[in-house]
């Protein structure tokens, strides 16, 4: 779980640290969620 703005960072980190030749990294945007939980994501990953 992350901010959409961090997905490229997630992909880069996984590609650099995953042992598979072709690591599966796929993402989906969250259309809706519990606002306090989403705010917590922002606080943890430093987007807000």
ModelCIF file with pLDDT and N, C-alpha, C, O atoms, coordinates in Angstrom:
data_MODEL
#
_entry.id   MODEL 
#
_entity.id                         1 
_entity.type                       polymer 
_entity.pdbx_number_of_molecules   1 
#
_entity_poly.entity_id                      1 
_entity_poly.type                           'polypeptide(L)' 
_entity_poly.nstd_linkage                   no 
_entity_poly.nstd_monomer                   no 
_entity_poly.pdbx_seq_one_letter_code       
;(UNK)(UNK)(UNK)(UNK)(UNK)(UNK)(UNK)(UNK)(UNK)(UNK)(UNK)(UNK)(UNK)(UNK)(UNK)(UNK)
(UNK)(UNK)(UNK)(UNK)(UNK)(UNK)(UNK)(UNK)(UNK)(UNK)(UNK)(UNK)(UNK)(UNK)(UNK)(UNK)
(UNK)(UNK)(UNK)(UNK)(UNK)(UNK)(UNK)(UNK)(UNK)(UNK)(UNK)(UNK)(UNK)(UNK)(UNK)(UNK)
;
_entity_poly.pdbx_seq_one_letter_code_can   XXXXXXXXXXXXXXXXXXXXXXXXXXXXXXXXXXXXXXXXXXXXXXXX 
_entity_poly.pdbx_strand_id                 A 
#
loop_
_entity_poly_seq.entity_id 
_entity_poly_seq.num 
_entity_poly_seq.mon_id 
_entity_poly_seq.hetero 
1 1  UNK n 
1 2  UNK n 
1 3  UNK n 
1 4  UNK n 
1 5  UNK n 
1 6  UNK n 
1 7  UNK n 
1 8  UNK n 
1 9  UNK n 
1 10 UNK n 
1 11 UNK n 
1 12 UNK n 
1 13 UNK n 
1 14 UNK n 
1 15 UNK n 
1 16 UNK n 
1 17 UNK n 
1 18 UNK n 
1 19 UNK n 
1 20 UNK n 
1 21 UNK n 
1 22 UNK n 
1 23 UNK n 
1 24 UNK n 
1 25 UNK n 
1 26 UNK n 
1 27 UNK n 
1 28 UNK n 
1 29 UNK n 
1 30 UNK n 
1 31 UNK n 
1 32 UNK n 
1 33 UNK n 
1 34 UNK n 
1 35 UNK n 
1 36 UNK n 
1 37 UNK n 
1 38 UNK n 
1 39 UNK n 
1 40 UNK n 
1 41 UNK n 
1 42 UNK n 
1 43 UNK n 
1 44 UNK n 
1 45 UNK n 
1 46 UNK n 
1 47 UNK n 
1 48 UNK n 
#
_struct_asym.id          A 
_struct_asym.entity_id   1 
#
loop_
_ma_qa_metric.id 
_ma_qa_metric.mode 
_ma_qa_metric.name 
_ma_qa_metric.software_group_id 
_ma_qa_metric.type 
1 global pLDDT . pLDDT 
2 local  pLDDT . pLDDT 
#
_ma_qa_metric_global.metric_id      1 
_ma_qa_metric_global.metric_value   94.69 
_ma_qa_metric_global.model_id       1 
_ma_qa_metric_global.ordinal_id     1 
#
loop_
_ma_qa_metric_local.label_asym_id 
_ma_qa_metric_local.label_comp_id 
_ma_qa_metric_local.label_seq_id 
_ma_qa_metric_local.metric_id 
_ma_qa_metric_local.metric_value 
_ma_qa_metric_local.model_id 
_ma_qa_metric_local.ordinal_id 
A UNK 1  2 98.00 1 1  
A UNK 2  2 98.00 1 2  
A UNK 3  2 96.00 1 3  
A UNK 4  2 96.00 1 4  
A UNK 5  2 95.00 1 5  
A UNK 6  2 97.00 1 6  
A UNK 7  2 97.00 1 7  
A UNK 8  2 97.00 1 8  
A UNK 9  2 97.00 1 9  
A UNK 10 2 98.00 1 10 
A UNK 11 2 98.00 1 11 
A UNK 12 2 98.00 1 12 
A UNK 13 2 98.00 1 13 
A UNK 14 2 98.00 1 14 
A UNK 15 2 97.00 1 15 
A UNK 16 2 97.00 1 16 
A UNK 17 2 98.00 1 17 
A UNK 18 2 98.00 1 18 
A UNK 19 2 97.00 1 19 
A UNK 20 2 96.00 1 20 
A UNK 21 2 94.00 1 21 
A UNK 22 2 96.00 1 22 
A UNK 23 2 96.00 1 23 
A UNK 24 2 97.00 1 24 
A UNK 25 2 97.00 1 25 
A UNK 26 2 98.00 1 26 
A UNK 27 2 98.00 1 27 
A UNK 28 2 96.00 1 28 
A UNK 29 2 96.00 1 29 
A UNK 30 2 94.00 1 30 
A UNK 31 2 91.00 1 31 
A UNK 32 2 92.00 1 32 
A UNK 33 2 93.00 1 33 
A UNK 34 2 94.00 1 34 
A UNK 35 2 93.00 1 35 
A UNK 36 2 94.00 1 36 
A UNK 37 2 95.00 1 37 
A UNK 38 2 94.00 1 38 
A UNK 39 2 93.00 1 39 
A UNK 40 2 95.00 1 40 
A UNK 41 2 96.00 1 41 
A UNK 42 2 92.00 1 42 
A UNK 43 2 94.00 1 43 
A UNK 44 2 95.00 1 44 
A UNK 45 2 96.00 1 45 
A UNK 46 2 87.00 1 46 
A UNK 47 2 78.00 1 47 
A UNK 48 2 67.00 1 48 
#
loop_
_atom_site.group_PDB 
_atom_site.id 
_atom_site.type_symbol 
_atom_site.label_atom_id 
_atom_site.label_alt_id 
_atom_site.label_comp_id 
_atom_site.label_asym_id 
_atom_site.label_entity_id 
_atom_site.label_seq_id 
_atom_site.pdbx_PDB_ins_code 
_atom_site.Cartn_x 
_atom_site.Cartn_y 
_atom_site.Cartn_z 
_atom_site.occupancy 
_atom_site.B_iso_or_equiv 
_atom_site.pdbx_formal_charge 
_atom_site.auth_seq_id 
_atom_site.auth_comp_id 
_atom_site.auth_asym_id 
_atom_site.auth_atom_id 
_atom_site.pdbx_PDB_model_num 
ATOM 1   N N  . UNK A 1 1  ? 0.843   -1.188  0.000   1.00 98.00 ? 1  UNK A N  1 
ATOM 2   C CA . UNK A 1 1  ? 0.000   0.000   0.000   1.00 98.00 ? 1  UNK A CA 1 
ATOM 3   C C  . UNK A 1 1  ? 0.881   1.242   0.000   1.00 98.00 ? 1  UNK A C  1 
ATOM 4   O O  . UNK A 1 1  ? 1.783   1.380   0.826   1.00 98.00 ? 1  UNK A O  1 
ATOM 5   N N  . UNK A 1 2  ? 0.604   2.149   -0.946  1.00 98.00 ? 2  UNK A N  1 
ATOM 6   C CA . UNK A 1 2  ? 1.448   3.316   -1.108  1.00 98.00 ? 2  UNK A CA 1 
ATOM 7   C C  . UNK A 1 2  ? 0.673   4.447   -1.772  1.00 98.00 ? 2  UNK A C  1 
ATOM 8   O O  . UNK A 1 2  ? -0.489  4.284   -2.143  1.00 98.00 ? 2  UNK A O  1 
ATOM 9   N N  . UNK A 1 3  ? 1.325   5.582   -1.917  1.00 96.00 ? 3  UNK A N  1 
ATOM 10  C CA . UNK A 1 3  ? 0.784   6.679   -2.709  1.00 96.00 ? 3  UNK A CA 1 
ATOM 11  C C  . UNK A 1 3  ? 1.086   6.392   -4.174  1.00 96.00 ? 3  UNK A C  1 
ATOM 12  O O  . UNK A 1 3  ? 2.135   5.833   -4.496  1.00 96.00 ? 3  UNK A O  1 
ATOM 13  N N  . UNK A 1 4  ? 0.178   6.768   -5.054  1.00 96.00 ? 4  UNK A N  1 
ATOM 14  C CA . UNK A 1 4  ? 0.392   6.537   -6.478  1.00 96.00 ? 4  UNK A CA 1 
ATOM 15  C C  . UNK A 1 4  ? 1.694   7.188   -6.948  1.00 96.00 ? 4  UNK A C  1 
ATOM 16  O O  . UNK A 1 4  ? 2.377   6.652   -7.821  1.00 96.00 ? 4  UNK A O  1 
ATOM 17  N N  . UNK A 1 5  ? 2.030   8.315   -6.385  1.00 95.00 ? 5  UNK A N  1 
ATOM 18  C CA . UNK A 1 5  ? 3.271   9.007   -6.768  1.00 95.00 ? 5  UNK A CA 1 
ATOM 19  C C  . UNK A 1 5  ? 4.522   8.216   -6.394  1.00 95.00 ? 5  UNK A C  1 
ATOM 20  O O  . UNK A 1 5  ? 5.615   8.535   -6.863  1.00 95.00 ? 5  UNK A O  1 
ATOM 21  N N  . UNK A 1 6  ? 4.377   7.193   -5.559  1.00 97.00 ? 6  UNK A N  1 
ATOM 22  C CA . UNK A 1 6  ? 5.520   6.372   -5.128  1.00 97.00 ? 6  UNK A CA 1 
ATOM 23  C C  . UNK A 1 6  ? 5.633   5.044   -5.878  1.00 97.00 ? 6  UNK A C  1 
ATOM 24  O O  . UNK A 1 6  ? 6.576   4.287   -5.646  1.00 97.00 ? 6  UNK A O  1 
ATOM 25  N N  . UNK A 1 7  ? 4.694   4.753   -6.767  1.00 97.00 ? 7  UNK A N  1 
ATOM 26  C CA . UNK A 1 7  ? 4.700   3.453   -7.451  1.00 97.00 ? 7  UNK A CA 1 
ATOM 27  C C  . UNK A 1 7  ? 5.983   3.247   -8.251  1.00 97.00 ? 7  UNK A C  1 
ATOM 28  O O  . UNK A 1 7  ? 6.538   2.149   -8.238  1.00 97.00 ? 7  UNK A O  1 
ATOM 29  N N  . UNK A 1 8  ? 6.463   4.268   -8.941  1.00 97.00 ? 8  UNK A N  1 
ATOM 30  C CA . UNK A 1 8  ? 7.712   4.111   -9.696  1.00 97.00 ? 8  UNK A CA 1 
ATOM 31  C C  . UNK A 1 8  ? 8.879   3.786   -8.768  1.00 97.00 ? 8  UNK A C  1 
ATOM 32  O O  . UNK A 1 8  ? 9.772   3.025   -9.142  1.00 97.00 ? 8  UNK A O  1 
ATOM 33  N N  . UNK A 1 9  ? 8.881   4.357   -7.558  1.00 97.00 ? 9  UNK A N  1 
ATOM 34  C CA . UNK A 1 9  ? 9.918   4.038   -6.569  1.00 97.00 ? 9  UNK A CA 1 
ATOM 35  C C  . UNK A 1 9  ? 9.807   2.582   -6.124  1.00 97.00 ? 9  UNK A C  1 
ATOM 36  O O  . UNK A 1 9  ? 10.818  1.902   -5.945  1.00 97.00 ? 9  UNK A O  1 
ATOM 37  N N  . UNK A 1 10 ? 8.569   2.106   -5.944  1.00 98.00 ? 10 UNK A N  1 
ATOM 38  C CA . UNK A 1 10 ? 8.341   0.708   -5.575  1.00 98.00 ? 10 UNK A CA 1 
ATOM 39  C C  . UNK A 1 10 ? 8.892   -0.205  -6.673  1.00 98.00 ? 10 UNK A C  1 
ATOM 40  O O  . UNK A 1 10 ? 9.608   -1.164  -6.386  1.00 98.00 ? 10 UNK A O  1 
ATOM 41  N N  . UNK A 1 11 ? 8.559   0.095   -7.915  1.00 98.00 ? 11 UNK A N  1 
ATOM 42  C CA . UNK A 1 11 ? 9.022   -0.731  -9.041  1.00 98.00 ? 11 UNK A CA 1 
ATOM 43  C C  . UNK A 1 11 ? 10.548  -0.750  -9.095  1.00 98.00 ? 11 UNK A C  1 
ATOM 44  O O  . UNK A 1 11 ? 11.152  -1.813  -9.241  1.00 98.00 ? 11 UNK A O  1 
ATOM 45  N N  . UNK A 1 12 ? 11.162  0.403   -8.979  1.00 98.00 ? 12 UNK A N  1 
ATOM 46  C CA . UNK A 1 12 ? 12.627  0.494   -9.032  1.00 98.00 ? 12 UNK A CA 1 
ATOM 47  C C  . UNK A 1 12 ? 13.257  -0.317  -7.894  1.00 98.00 ? 12 UNK A C  1 
ATOM 48  O O  . UNK A 1 12 ? 14.205  -1.069  -8.120  1.00 98.00 ? 12 UNK A O  1 
ATOM 49  N N  . UNK A 1 13 ? 12.733  -0.163  -6.672  1.00 98.00 ? 13 UNK A N  1 
ATOM 50  C CA . UNK A 1 13 ? 13.283  -0.887  -5.525  1.00 98.00 ? 13 UNK A CA 1 
ATOM 51  C C  . UNK A 1 13 ? 13.167  -2.404  -5.729  1.00 98.00 ? 13 UNK A C  1 
ATOM 52  O O  . UNK A 1 13 ? 14.119  -3.147  -5.490  1.00 98.00 ? 13 UNK A O  1 
ATOM 53  N N  . UNK A 1 14 ? 11.999  -2.842  -6.170  1.00 98.00 ? 14 UNK A N  1 
ATOM 54  C CA . UNK A 1 14 ? 11.794  -4.281  -6.371  1.00 98.00 ? 14 UNK A CA 1 
ATOM 55  C C  . UNK A 1 14 ? 12.726  -4.797  -7.466  1.00 98.00 ? 14 UNK A C  1 
ATOM 56  O O  . UNK A 1 14 ? 13.352  -5.843  -7.294  1.00 98.00 ? 14 UNK A O  1 
ATOM 57  N N  . UNK A 1 15 ? 12.828  -4.094  -8.569  1.00 97.00 ? 15 UNK A N  1 
ATOM 58  C CA . UNK A 1 15 ? 13.699  -4.547  -9.662  1.00 97.00 ? 15 UNK A CA 1 
ATOM 59  C C  . UNK A 1 15 ? 15.151  -4.655  -9.207  1.00 97.00 ? 15 UNK A C  1 
ATOM 60  O O  . UNK A 1 15 ? 15.873  -5.552  -9.642  1.00 97.00 ? 15 UNK A O  1 
ATOM 61  N N  . UNK A 1 16 ? 15.582  -3.744  -8.335  1.00 97.00 ? 16 UNK A N  1 
ATOM 62  C CA . UNK A 1 16 ? 16.966  -3.754  -7.868  1.00 97.00 ? 16 UNK A CA 1 
ATOM 63  C C  . UNK A 1 16 ? 17.229  -4.811  -6.789  1.00 97.00 ? 16 UNK A C  1 
ATOM 64  O O  . UNK A 1 16 ? 18.381  -5.183  -6.567  1.00 97.00 ? 16 UNK A O  1 
ATOM 65  N N  . UNK A 1 17 ? 16.183  -5.298  -6.116  1.00 98.00 ? 17 UNK A N  1 
ATOM 66  C CA . UNK A 1 17 ? 16.377  -6.188  -4.970  1.00 98.00 ? 17 UNK A CA 1 
ATOM 67  C C  . UNK A 1 17 ? 15.713  -7.550  -5.100  1.00 98.00 ? 17 UNK A C  1 
ATOM 68  O O  . UNK A 1 17 ? 15.849  -8.380  -4.201  1.00 98.00 ? 17 UNK A O  1 
ATOM 69  N N  . UNK A 1 18 ? 15.014  -7.798  -6.167  1.00 98.00 ? 18 UNK A N  1 
ATOM 70  C CA . UNK A 1 18 ? 14.287  -9.053  -6.375  1.00 98.00 ? 18 UNK A CA 1 
ATOM 71  C C  . UNK A 1 18 ? 15.174  -10.033 -7.136  1.00 98.00 ? 18 UNK A C  1 
ATOM 72  O O  . UNK A 1 18 ? 15.842  -9.631  -8.089  1.00 98.00 ? 18 UNK A O  1 
ATOM 73  N N  . UNK A 1 19 ? 15.202  -11.300 -6.748  1.00 97.00 ? 19 UNK A N  1 
ATOM 74  C CA . UNK A 1 19 ? 16.088  -12.262 -7.415  1.00 97.00 ? 19 UNK A CA 1 
ATOM 75  C C  . UNK A 1 19 ? 15.604  -12.762 -8.779  1.00 97.00 ? 19 UNK A C  1 
ATOM 76  O O  . UNK A 1 19 ? 16.402  -13.313 -9.537  1.00 97.00 ? 19 UNK A O  1 
ATOM 77  N N  . UNK A 1 20 ? 14.318  -12.586 -9.114  1.00 96.00 ? 20 UNK A N  1 
ATOM 78  C CA . UNK A 1 20 ? 13.824  -13.092 -10.395 1.00 96.00 ? 20 UNK A CA 1 
ATOM 79  C C  . UNK A 1 20 ? 14.382  -12.258 -11.546 1.00 96.00 ? 20 UNK A C  1 
ATOM 80  O O  . UNK A 1 20 ? 14.626  -11.061 -11.393 1.00 96.00 ? 20 UNK A O  1 
ATOM 81  N N  . UNK A 1 21 ? 14.582  -12.898 -12.700 1.00 94.00 ? 21 UNK A N  1 
ATOM 82  C CA . UNK A 1 21 ? 14.996  -12.177 -13.907 1.00 94.00 ? 21 UNK A CA 1 
ATOM 83  C C  . UNK A 1 21 ? 13.951  -11.136 -14.300 1.00 94.00 ? 21 UNK A C  1 
ATOM 84  O O  . UNK A 1 21 ? 14.286  -10.012 -14.673 1.00 94.00 ? 21 UNK A O  1 
ATOM 85  N N  . UNK A 1 22 ? 12.687  -11.526 -14.212 1.00 96.00 ? 22 UNK A N  1 
ATOM 86  C CA . UNK A 1 22 ? 11.574  -10.622 -14.523 1.00 96.00 ? 22 UNK A CA 1 
ATOM 87  C C  . UNK A 1 22 ? 10.629  -10.639 -13.321 1.00 96.00 ? 22 UNK A C  1 
ATOM 88  O O  . UNK A 1 22 ? 9.784   -11.524 -13.191 1.00 96.00 ? 22 UNK A O  1 
ATOM 89  N N  . UNK A 1 23 ? 10.786  -9.656  -12.458 1.00 96.00 ? 23 UNK A N  1 
ATOM 90  C CA . UNK A 1 23 ? 9.953   -9.595  -11.252 1.00 96.00 ? 23 UNK A CA 1 
ATOM 91  C C  . UNK A 1 23 ? 8.566   -9.068  -11.605 1.00 96.00 ? 23 UNK A C  1 
ATOM 92  O O  . UNK A 1 23 ? 8.417   -8.103  -12.355 1.00 96.00 ? 23 UNK A O  1 
ATOM 93  N N  . UNK A 1 24 ? 7.563   -9.724  -11.046 1.00 97.00 ? 24 UNK A N  1 
ATOM 94  C CA . UNK A 1 24 ? 6.197   -9.225  -11.207 1.00 97.00 ? 24 UNK A CA 1 
ATOM 95  C C  . UNK A 1 24 ? 6.003   -8.038  -10.278 1.00 97.00 ? 24 UNK A C  1 
ATOM 96  O O  . UNK A 1 24 ? 6.124   -8.168  -9.060  1.00 97.00 ? 24 UNK A O  1 
ATOM 97  N N  . UNK A 1 25 ? 5.702   -6.882  -10.853 1.00 97.00 ? 25 UNK A N  1 
ATOM 98  C CA . UNK A 1 25 ? 5.315   -5.705  -10.088 1.00 97.00 ? 25 UNK A CA 1 
ATOM 99  C C  . UNK A 1 25 ? 4.198   -5.056  -10.880 1.00 97.00 ? 25 UNK A C  1 
ATOM 100 O O  . UNK A 1 25 ? 4.430   -4.457  -11.930 1.00 97.00 ? 25 UNK A O  1 
ATOM 101 N N  . UNK A 1 26 ? 2.982   -5.180  -10.366 1.00 98.00 ? 26 UNK A N  1 
ATOM 102 C CA . UNK A 1 26 ? 1.838   -4.542  -11.014 1.00 98.00 ? 26 UNK A CA 1 
ATOM 103 C C  . UNK A 1 26 ? 1.101   -3.731  -9.964  1.00 98.00 ? 26 UNK A C  1 
ATOM 104 O O  . UNK A 1 26 ? 1.126   -4.068  -8.780  1.00 98.00 ? 26 UNK A O  1 
ATOM 105 N N  . UNK A 1 27 ? 0.447   -2.665  -10.397 1.00 98.00 ? 27 UNK A N  1 
ATOM 106 C CA . UNK A 1 27 ? -0.252  -1.833  -9.423  1.00 98.00 ? 27 UNK A CA 1 
ATOM 107 C C  . UNK A 1 27 ? -1.626  -1.424  -9.950  1.00 98.00 ? 27 UNK A C  1 
ATOM 108 O O  . UNK A 1 27 ? -1.893  -1.415  -11.152 1.00 98.00 ? 27 UNK A O  1 
ATOM 109 N N  . UNK A 1 28 ? -2.471  -1.093  -8.999  1.00 96.00 ? 28 UNK A N  1 
ATOM 110 C CA . UNK A 1 28 ? -3.823  -0.635  -9.280  1.00 96.00 ? 28 UNK A CA 1 
ATOM 111 C C  . UNK A 1 28 ? -4.105  0.575   -8.404  1.00 96.00 ? 28 UNK A C  1 
ATOM 112 O O  . UNK A 1 28 ? -3.713  0.611   -7.238  1.00 96.00 ? 28 UNK A O  1 
ATOM 113 N N  . UNK A 1 29 ? -4.783  1.560   -8.966  1.00 96.00 ? 29 UNK A N  1 
ATOM 114 C CA . UNK A 1 29 ? -5.168  2.721   -8.172  1.00 96.00 ? 29 UNK A CA 1 
ATOM 115 C C  . UNK A 1 29 ? -6.347  2.362   -7.285  1.00 96.00 ? 29 UNK A C  1 
ATOM 116 O O  . UNK A 1 29 ? -7.228  1.597   -7.675  1.00 96.00 ? 29 UNK A O  1 
ATOM 117 N N  . UNK A 1 30 ? -6.347  2.925   -6.092  1.00 94.00 ? 30 UNK A N  1 
ATOM 118 C CA . UNK A 1 30 ? -7.441  2.735   -5.145  1.00 94.00 ? 30 UNK A CA 1 
ATOM 119 C C  . UNK A 1 30 ? -8.492  3.793   -5.451  1.00 94.00 ? 30 UNK A C  1 
ATOM 120 O O  . UNK A 1 30 ? -8.202  4.989   -5.408  1.00 94.00 ? 30 UNK A O  1 
ATOM 121 N N  . UNK A 1 31 ? -9.710  3.359   -5.760  1.00 91.00 ? 31 UNK A N  1 
ATOM 122 C CA . UNK A 1 31 ? -10.784 4.299   -6.076  1.00 91.00 ? 31 UNK A CA 1 
ATOM 123 C C  . UNK A 1 31 ? -11.392 4.945   -4.844  1.00 91.00 ? 31 UNK A C  1 
ATOM 124 O O  . UNK A 1 31 ? -11.880 6.074   -4.902  1.00 91.00 ? 31 UNK A O  1 
ATOM 125 N N  . UNK A 1 32 ? -11.360 4.227   -3.733  1.00 92.00 ? 32 UNK A N  1 
ATOM 126 C CA . UNK A 1 32 ? -11.986 4.738   -2.518  1.00 92.00 ? 32 UNK A CA 1 
ATOM 127 C C  . UNK A 1 32 ? -11.413 3.981   -1.336  1.00 92.00 ? 32 UNK A C  1 
ATOM 128 O O  . UNK A 1 32 ? -10.927 2.860   -1.485  1.00 92.00 ? 32 UNK A O  1 
ATOM 129 N N  . UNK A 1 33 ? -11.469 4.590   -0.166  1.00 93.00 ? 33 UNK A N  1 
ATOM 130 C CA . UNK A 1 33 ? -10.960 3.928   1.024   1.00 93.00 ? 33 UNK A CA 1 
ATOM 131 C C  . UNK A 1 33 ? -11.285 4.719   2.271   1.00 93.00 ? 33 UNK A C  1 
ATOM 132 O O  . UNK A 1 33 ? -11.827 5.822   2.197   1.00 93.00 ? 33 UNK A O  1 
ATOM 133 N N  . UNK A 1 34 ? -10.957 4.159   3.400   1.00 94.00 ? 34 UNK A N  1 
ATOM 134 C CA . UNK A 1 34 ? -11.181 4.804   4.685   1.00 94.00 ? 34 UNK A CA 1 
ATOM 135 C C  . UNK A 1 34 ? -10.279 6.046   4.775   1.00 94.00 ? 34 UNK A C  1 
ATOM 136 O O  . UNK A 1 34 ? -9.058  5.899   4.814   1.00 94.00 ? 34 UNK A O  1 
ATOM 137 N N  . UNK A 1 35 ? -10.841 7.258   4.811   1.00 93.00 ? 35 UNK A N  1 
ATOM 138 C CA . UNK A 1 35 ? -10.015 8.472   4.789   1.00 93.00 ? 35 UNK A CA 1 
ATOM 139 C C  . UNK A 1 35 ? -8.900  8.510   5.841   1.00 93.00 ? 35 UNK A C  1 
ATOM 140 O O  . UNK A 1 35 ? -7.791  8.924   5.505   1.00 93.00 ? 35 UNK A O  1 
ATOM 141 N N  . UNK A 1 36 ? -9.134  8.100   7.094   1.00 94.00 ? 36 UNK A N  1 
ATOM 142 C CA . UNK A 1 36 ? -8.015  8.112   8.041   1.00 94.00 ? 36 UNK A CA 1 
ATOM 143 C C  . UNK A 1 36 ? -6.880  7.162   7.637   1.00 94.00 ? 36 UNK A C  1 
ATOM 144 O O  . UNK A 1 36 ? -5.711  7.469   7.870   1.00 94.00 ? 36 UNK A O  1 
ATOM 145 N N  . UNK A 1 37 ? -7.206  6.028   7.045   1.00 95.00 ? 37 UNK A N  1 
ATOM 146 C CA . UNK A 1 37 ? -6.181  5.092   6.590   1.00 95.00 ? 37 UNK A CA 1 
ATOM 147 C C  . UNK A 1 37 ? -5.384  5.700   5.438   1.00 95.00 ? 37 UNK A C  1 
ATOM 148 O O  . UNK A 1 37 ? -4.157  5.611   5.417   1.00 95.00 ? 37 UNK A O  1 
ATOM 149 N N  . UNK A 1 38 ? -6.071  6.313   4.488   1.00 94.00 ? 38 UNK A N  1 
ATOM 150 C CA . UNK A 1 38 ? -5.394  6.931   3.353   1.00 94.00 ? 38 UNK A CA 1 
ATOM 151 C C  . UNK A 1 38 ? -4.509  8.087   3.815   1.00 94.00 ? 38 UNK A C  1 
ATOM 152 O O  . UNK A 1 38 ? -3.410  8.281   3.294   1.00 94.00 ? 38 UNK A O  1 
ATOM 153 N N  . UNK A 1 39 ? -4.987  8.843   4.783   1.00 93.00 ? 39 UNK A N  1 
ATOM 154 C CA . UNK A 1 39 ? -4.179  9.937   5.348   1.00 93.00 ? 39 UNK A CA 1 
ATOM 155 C C  . UNK A 1 39 ? -2.914  9.358   5.994   1.00 93.00 ? 39 UNK A C  1 
ATOM 156 O O  . UNK A 1 39 ? -1.829  9.925   5.869   1.00 93.00 ? 39 UNK A O  1 
ATOM 157 N N  . UNK A 1 40 ? -3.067  8.234   6.678   1.00 95.00 ? 40 UNK A N  1 
ATOM 158 C CA . UNK A 1 40 ? -1.919  7.572   7.307   1.00 95.00 ? 40 UNK A CA 1 
ATOM 159 C C  . UNK A 1 40 ? -0.888  7.167   6.251   1.00 95.00 ? 40 UNK A C  1 
ATOM 160 O O  . UNK A 1 40 ? 0.313   7.328   6.469   1.00 95.00 ? 40 UNK A O  1 
ATOM 161 N N  . UNK A 1 41 ? -1.346  6.643   5.107   1.00 96.00 ? 41 UNK A N  1 
ATOM 162 C CA . UNK A 1 41 ? -0.415  6.304   4.025   1.00 96.00 ? 41 UNK A CA 1 
ATOM 163 C C  . UNK A 1 41 ? 0.398   7.534   3.640   1.00 96.00 ? 41 UNK A C  1 
ATOM 164 O O  . UNK A 1 41 ? 1.621   7.465   3.520   1.00 96.00 ? 41 UNK A O  1 
ATOM 165 N N  . UNK A 1 42 ? -0.293  8.670   3.447   1.00 92.00 ? 42 UNK A N  1 
ATOM 166 C CA . UNK A 1 42 ? 0.404   9.917   3.105   1.00 92.00 ? 42 UNK A CA 1 
ATOM 167 C C  . UNK A 1 42 ? 1.457   10.270  4.143   1.00 92.00 ? 42 UNK A C  1 
ATOM 168 O O  . UNK A 1 42 ? 2.586   10.625  3.802   1.00 92.00 ? 42 UNK A O  1 
ATOM 169 N N  . UNK A 1 43 ? 1.080   10.170  5.409   1.00 94.00 ? 43 UNK A N  1 
ATOM 170 C CA . UNK A 1 43 ? 2.003   10.546  6.480   1.00 94.00 ? 43 UNK A CA 1 
ATOM 171 C C  . UNK A 1 43 ? 3.232   9.639   6.509   1.00 94.00 ? 43 UNK A C  1 
ATOM 172 O O  . UNK A 1 43 ? 4.350   10.111  6.714   1.00 94.00 ? 43 UNK A O  1 
ATOM 173 N N  . UNK A 1 44 ? 3.024   8.350   6.307   1.00 95.00 ? 44 UNK A N  1 
ATOM 174 C CA . UNK A 1 44 ? 4.135   7.397   6.381   1.00 95.00 ? 44 UNK A CA 1 
ATOM 175 C C  . UNK A 1 44 ? 5.089   7.542   5.202   1.00 95.00 ? 44 UNK A C  1 
ATOM 176 O O  . UNK A 1 44 ? 6.306   7.553   5.387   1.00 95.00 ? 44 UNK A O  1 
ATOM 177 N N  . UNK A 1 45 ? 4.550   7.653   3.995   1.00 96.00 ? 45 UNK A N  1 
ATOM 178 C CA . UNK A 1 45 ? 5.424   7.725   2.818   1.00 96.00 ? 45 UNK A CA 1 
ATOM 179 C C  . UNK A 1 45 ? 5.882   9.147   2.518   1.00 96.00 ? 45 UNK A C  1 
ATOM 180 O O  . UNK A 1 45 ? 6.682   9.372   1.610   1.00 96.00 ? 45 UNK A O  1 
ATOM 181 N N  . UNK A 1 46 ? 5.368   10.108  3.291   1.00 87.00 ? 46 UNK A N  1 
ATOM 182 C CA . UNK A 1 46 ? 5.852   11.485  3.184   1.00 87.00 ? 46 UNK A CA 1 
ATOM 183 C C  . UNK A 1 46 ? 5.307   12.270  2.009   1.00 87.00 ? 46 UNK A C  1 
ATOM 184 O O  . UNK A 1 46 ? 5.958   13.196  1.526   1.00 87.00 ? 46 UNK A O  1 
ATOM 185 N N  . UNK A 1 47 ? 4.106   11.908  1.538   1.00 78.00 ? 47 UNK A N  1 
ATOM 186 C CA . UNK A 1 47 ? 3.547   12.654  0.414   1.00 78.00 ? 47 UNK A CA 1 
ATOM 187 C C  . UNK A 1 47 ? 2.761   13.883  0.870   1.00 78.00 ? 47 UNK A C  1 
ATOM 188 O O  . UNK A 1 47 ? 2.580   14.824  0.098   1.00 78.00 ? 47 UNK A O  1 
ATOM 189 N N  . UNK A 1 48 ? 2.302   13.880  2.099   1.00 67.00 ? 48 UNK A N  1 
ATOM 190 C CA . UNK A 1 48 ? 1.605   15.041  2.652   1.00 67.00 ? 48 UNK A CA 1 
ATOM 191 C C  . UNK A 1 48 ? 2.077   15.242  4.077   1.00 67.00 ? 48 UNK A C  1 
ATOM 192 O O  . UNK A 1 48 ? 1.626   16.167  4.752   1.00 67.00 ? 48 UNK A O  1 
#
